[in-house]
Amino acid sequence: MEKKIKLTKEQLHQIDAYLNNNDVKYIDLHLEVLDHICTDIEHEMTINNSSFKDAFDKIRIKWSKTFSYKWTFWLGISNGGSKLFIDHCLKIYKPLWFKSILVILTFIATFYGIVTILNIDLDANYHLFKITFLSMALSFPALLIYWKYELKKIKLASTYSYLYNKQIFPNIFISLLLILQIFRSEKEVFSDFMFVYFTVFFSILIMGYNFYKNHLKAVSNYRKYQLK
C-alpha cells in the first residue's frame, strides 16, 4: 500500500502564489481550489512517484482551462471573470435566486388566498398597510448600507461579498420608487403594486443577509487556515 504524501508548507506557498497570480483572490474559492489542487498533486506524487515540480506542472495544465474568461447574463455583461469564478458564483446565486422567486410567488398566493377565504377588506386596513410599506421602504436601504459597511470593514473579499456588492446593494435605489408611490397615492385604497414591491424587498433582504452571513463564515474559515 502506497504511503500518502503530504505537501510541505513551502510547497503550499507555491500553490498559493499560483492561485494569486491567476486572480483567485476570493477567500472561499481560494481555499476550495487550494484543497482540490493539493489533493490532485498529492495523488499524482503518490501514484506515479512524481516529484512535486512534475506533479504541479501536470496539475497546472489540467486547471489552466478554468482560468479562461467567461461572462453570463445572470451576473451582468460587465461582471465577467475567470470561468472558475463565474461558475462558482452561479453555483451559489442561481439556486438562491430561484428560491427567492418561489418565496415571492408563494407569499403572494398565500396572502391573497387568505384575503379571499376570510373576505378581508384590504381598503379598510389601508393605513396599517401604508405604515408597513413605508417602514420597509425606509429600513431596506438602512439594512443594505449597514451590511455593506460591515463587509467593507472586514477587508477580505469572498464570493459572497462579491455577489452582495454586485447583485444586492445596487437595489438600494428602488426603495425610492416605493416611497414615491406611497406619497403619490391620492386614494386611500390598498395598492397591489406596493404589496408586490414589499414582497420583493423582503426577498432581496433575505438574499442579502444570506450573502452577509456566509461571508462571515468564509472569513472565519480563512483565518483558521492562516493559523495552521
Protein backbone atom coordinates (compact mmCIF):
# COMPACT_ATOMS: atom_id res chain seq x y z
CA MET A 1 0.00 0.00 0.00
CA GLU A 2 1.39 3.38 -1.05
CA LYS A 3 2.01 5.89 1.72
CA LYS A 4 0.11 9.09 1.04
CA ILE A 5 2.35 12.10 0.54
CA LYS A 6 1.66 15.35 2.41
CA LEU A 7 2.79 18.66 0.98
CA THR A 8 5.19 20.90 2.89
CA LYS A 9 4.43 24.49 3.89
CA GLU A 10 6.83 25.75 1.24
CA GLN A 11 5.01 23.73 -1.43
CA LEU A 12 1.67 25.07 -0.20
CA HIS A 13 3.03 28.60 -0.51
CA GLN A 14 3.95 27.88 -4.15
CA ILE A 15 0.38 26.76 -4.85
CA ASP A 16 -0.94 29.84 -3.04
CA ALA A 17 1.24 32.04 -5.22
CA TYR A 18 -0.01 30.26 -8.36
CA LEU A 19 -3.63 30.91 -7.37
CA ASN A 20 -2.88 34.56 -6.55
CA ASN A 21 -1.20 35.01 -9.95
CA ASN A 22 -4.38 33.68 -11.57
CA ASP A 23 -6.50 36.17 -9.61
CA VAL A 24 -8.16 33.58 -7.36
CA LYS A 25 -8.49 36.28 -4.71
CA TYR A 26 -11.86 35.44 -3.17
CA ILE A 27 -11.05 33.61 0.04
CA ASP A 28 -13.75 30.93 -0.06
CA LEU A 29 -12.90 29.97 -3.64
CA HIS A 30 -9.18 30.23 -2.92
CA LEU A 31 -9.39 27.70 -0.08
CA GLU A 32 -11.63 25.36 -2.06
CA VAL A 33 -9.35 25.35 -5.14
CA LEU A 34 -6.25 25.12 -2.97
CA ASP A 35 -7.65 21.97 -1.36
CA HIS A 36 -8.51 20.43 -4.75
CA ILE A 37 -5.11 21.19 -6.27
CA CYS A 38 -3.25 19.91 -3.21
CA THR A 39 -5.24 16.68 -3.34
CA ASP A 40 -4.50 16.29 -7.07
CA ILE A 41 -0.78 16.89 -6.58
CA GLU A 42 -0.54 14.54 -3.59
CA HIS A 43 -2.37 11.87 -5.60
CA GLU A 44 -0.04 12.34 -8.58
CA MET A 45 3.07 12.18 -6.37
CA THR A 46 1.80 9.08 -4.57
CA ILE A 47 0.52 7.05 -7.52
CA ASN A 48 3.16 7.94 -10.13
CA ASN A 49 6.03 8.63 -7.73
CA SER A 50 6.41 12.09 -9.32
CA SER A 51 8.39 14.96 -7.88
CA PHE A 52 6.43 17.95 -6.61
CA LYS A 53 7.57 20.05 -9.58
CA ASP A 54 6.47 17.47 -12.17
CA ALA A 55 3.16 16.85 -10.41
CA PHE A 56 2.49 20.58 -10.05
CA ASP A 57 3.28 21.21 -13.74
CA LYS A 58 0.87 18.45 -14.78
CA ILE A 59 -1.93 19.73 -12.50
CA ARG A 60 -1.46 23.31 -13.71
CA ILE A 61 -2.14 22.17 -17.26
CA LYS A 62 -5.29 20.44 -16.03
CA TRP A 63 -6.53 23.58 -14.25
CA SER A 64 -5.46 26.13 -16.88
CA LYS A 65 -8.77 25.92 -18.79
CA THR A 66 -10.70 27.03 -15.71
CA PHE A 67 -8.96 30.44 -15.76
CA SER A 68 -10.28 31.42 -19.21
CA TYR A 69 -12.60 34.45 -19.34
CA LYS A 70 -16.37 34.00 -19.04
CA TRP A 71 -19.45 36.15 -18.51
CA THR A 72 -23.13 35.40 -18.10
CA PHE A 73 -26.41 37.31 -18.24
CA TRP A 74 -27.13 36.00 -14.75
CA LEU A 75 -24.48 38.26 -13.26
CA GLY A 76 -24.44 41.00 -15.90
CA ILE A 77 -22.36 41.56 -19.02
CA SER A 78 -19.83 43.76 -17.20
CA ASN A 79 -19.35 41.27 -14.35
CA GLY A 80 -17.18 38.73 -16.13
CA GLY A 81 -14.19 36.85 -14.78
CA SER A 82 -12.47 33.51 -14.88
CA LYS A 83 -14.64 30.52 -15.74
CA LEU A 84 -13.72 29.09 -12.36
CA PHE A 85 -15.01 32.16 -10.51
CA ILE A 86 -18.15 32.74 -12.60
CA ASP A 87 -19.19 29.09 -12.32
CA HIS A 88 -18.66 29.29 -8.57
CA CYS A 89 -20.84 32.43 -8.40
CA LEU A 90 -23.61 30.75 -10.39
CA LYS A 91 -23.46 27.69 -8.15
CA ILE A 92 -24.30 29.96 -5.21
CA TYR A 93 -26.52 32.58 -6.86
CA LYS A 94 -28.86 30.64 -9.16
CA PRO A 95 -30.38 28.27 -6.56
CA LEU A 96 -30.88 31.19 -4.17
CA TRP A 97 -32.49 33.28 -6.93
CA PHE A 98 -34.96 30.52 -7.82
CA LYS A 99 -35.77 30.00 -4.13
CA SER A 100 -36.42 33.74 -3.78
CA ILE A 101 -38.81 33.74 -6.74
CA LEU A 102 -40.60 30.74 -5.23
CA VAL A 103 -40.86 32.53 -1.86
CA ILE A 104 -42.29 35.65 -3.54
CA LEU A 105 -44.91 33.71 -5.51
CA THR A 106 -45.82 31.54 -2.51
CA PHE A 107 -46.16 34.54 -0.20
CA ILE A 108 -48.32 36.48 -2.68
CA ALA A 109 -50.55 33.46 -3.40
CA THR A 110 -50.93 32.70 0.32
CA PHE A 111 -51.73 36.33 1.19
CA TYR A 112 -54.42 36.73 -1.45
CA GLY A 113 -55.73 33.25 -0.71
CA ILE A 114 -56.26 34.16 2.95
CA VAL A 115 -57.81 37.51 1.96
CA THR A 116 -60.26 35.74 -0.35
CA ILE A 117 -61.19 32.95 2.07
CA LEU A 118 -61.69 35.28 5.05
CA ASN A 119 -63.20 38.03 2.90
CA ILE A 120 -60.85 40.66 4.38
CA ASP A 121 -61.41 44.28 3.34
CA LEU A 122 -57.89 45.45 2.45
CA ASP A 123 -59.01 49.04 1.86
CA ALA A 124 -60.32 49.24 5.42
CA ASN A 125 -56.77 48.49 6.64
CA TYR A 126 -55.15 50.96 4.25
CA HIS A 127 -53.31 52.99 6.92
CA LEU A 128 -51.86 49.85 8.53
CA PHE A 129 -50.51 48.67 5.18
CA LYS A 130 -49.21 52.15 4.37
CA ILE A 131 -47.20 52.25 7.61
CA THR A 132 -45.90 48.71 6.93
CA PHE A 133 -44.86 49.55 3.37
CA LEU A 134 -43.22 52.81 4.43
CA SER A 135 -41.33 51.06 7.25
CA MET A 136 -39.98 48.52 4.76
CA ALA A 137 -39.04 51.24 2.26
CA LEU A 138 -37.03 53.05 4.95
CA SER A 139 -35.47 50.02 6.66
CA PHE A 140 -34.49 48.39 3.33
CA PRO A 141 -31.72 50.88 2.42
CA ALA A 142 -30.64 51.15 6.06
CA LEU A 143 -30.01 47.40 6.28
CA LEU A 144 -28.23 47.29 2.92
CA ILE A 145 -25.92 50.14 3.96
CA TYR A 146 -25.22 48.50 7.32
CA TRP A 147 -24.29 45.15 5.75
CA LYS A 148 -22.20 46.94 3.12
CA TYR A 149 -20.31 48.77 5.88
CA GLU A 150 -19.71 45.56 7.83
CA LEU A 151 -18.45 43.74 4.73
CA LYS A 152 -16.08 46.58 3.85
CA LYS A 153 -14.79 46.77 7.41
CA ILE A 154 -13.58 43.16 7.30
CA LYS A 155 -11.25 43.96 4.35
CA LEU A 156 -11.39 40.43 2.94
CA ALA A 157 -13.28 39.53 -0.23
CA SER A 158 -15.30 36.38 -0.78
CA THR A 159 -17.67 35.21 -3.49
CA TYR A 160 -20.48 36.12 -1.11
CA SER A 161 -19.31 39.72 -0.63
CA TYR A 162 -18.87 39.99 -4.42
CA LEU A 163 -22.44 38.81 -5.04
CA TYR A 164 -23.72 41.15 -2.34
CA ASN A 165 -21.98 44.15 -3.89
CA LYS A 166 -22.98 43.30 -7.46
CA GLN A 167 -26.45 41.76 -7.11
CA ILE A 168 -27.93 43.06 -3.86
CA PHE A 169 -26.59 46.51 -2.95
CA PRO A 170 -27.47 48.18 -6.31
CA ASN A 171 -31.14 47.55 -5.47
CA ILE A 172 -30.91 50.20 -2.76
CA PHE A 173 -32.26 52.86 -5.10
CA ILE A 174 -35.52 51.07 -5.91
CA SER A 175 -36.75 51.83 -2.39
CA LEU A 176 -37.22 55.39 -3.63
CA LEU A 177 -39.84 54.13 -6.09
CA LEU A 178 -41.89 52.63 -3.28
CA ILE A 179 -41.62 55.79 -1.17
CA LEU A 180 -42.72 57.94 -4.13
CA GLN A 181 -45.60 55.58 -4.86
CA ILE A 182 -46.76 55.75 -1.24
CA PHE A 183 -46.85 59.55 -1.11
CA ARG A 184 -48.19 59.99 -4.65
CA SER A 185 -51.19 57.81 -3.92
CA GLU A 186 -54.21 60.11 -3.54
CA LYS A 187 -56.82 57.44 -2.87
CA GLU A 188 -56.82 55.58 0.44
CA VAL A 189 -57.07 52.15 -1.15
CA PHE A 190 -54.86 49.08 -0.88
CA SER A 191 -52.23 49.00 -3.63
CA ASP A 192 -51.36 45.63 -5.18
CA PHE A 193 -48.34 47.30 -6.76
CA MET A 194 -46.94 48.37 -3.36
CA PHE A 195 -47.61 44.93 -1.90
CA VAL A 196 -45.60 43.24 -4.66
CA TYR A 197 -42.78 45.75 -4.07
CA PHE A 198 -42.90 44.96 -0.36
CA THR A 199 -42.59 41.24 -1.08
CA VAL A 200 -39.67 41.75 -3.49
CA PHE A 201 -37.86 43.95 -0.94
CA PHE A 202 -38.29 41.28 1.71
CA SER A 203 -36.90 38.64 -0.65
CA ILE A 204 -33.88 40.81 -1.51
CA LEU A 205 -33.18 41.31 2.19
CA ILE A 206 -33.22 37.54 2.75
CA MET A 207 -30.71 37.08 -0.08
CA GLY A 208 -28.56 39.94 1.21
CA TYR A 209 -28.48 38.52 4.72
CA ASN A 210 -27.60 35.09 3.30
CA PHE A 211 -24.57 36.55 1.48
CA TYR A 212 -23.57 38.60 4.54
CA LYS A 213 -23.80 35.60 6.91
CA ASN A 214 -21.89 33.27 4.56
CA HIS A 215 -19.18 35.88 4.04
CA LEU A 216 -18.58 35.98 7.80
CA LYS A 217 -18.37 32.17 7.79
CA ALA A 218 -15.89 32.23 4.89
CA VAL A 219 -13.72 34.79 6.72
CA SER A 220 -13.74 32.63 9.84
CA ASN A 221 -12.62 29.56 7.85
CA TYR A 222 -9.90 31.56 6.10
CA ARG A 223 -8.48 32.87 9.37
CA LYS A 224 -8.44 29.37 10.81
CA TYR A 225 -6.45 28.25 7.74
CA GLN A 226 -3.93 31.07 8.27
CA LEU A 227 -3.34 29.93 11.83
CA LYS A 228 -2.34 26.43 10.72
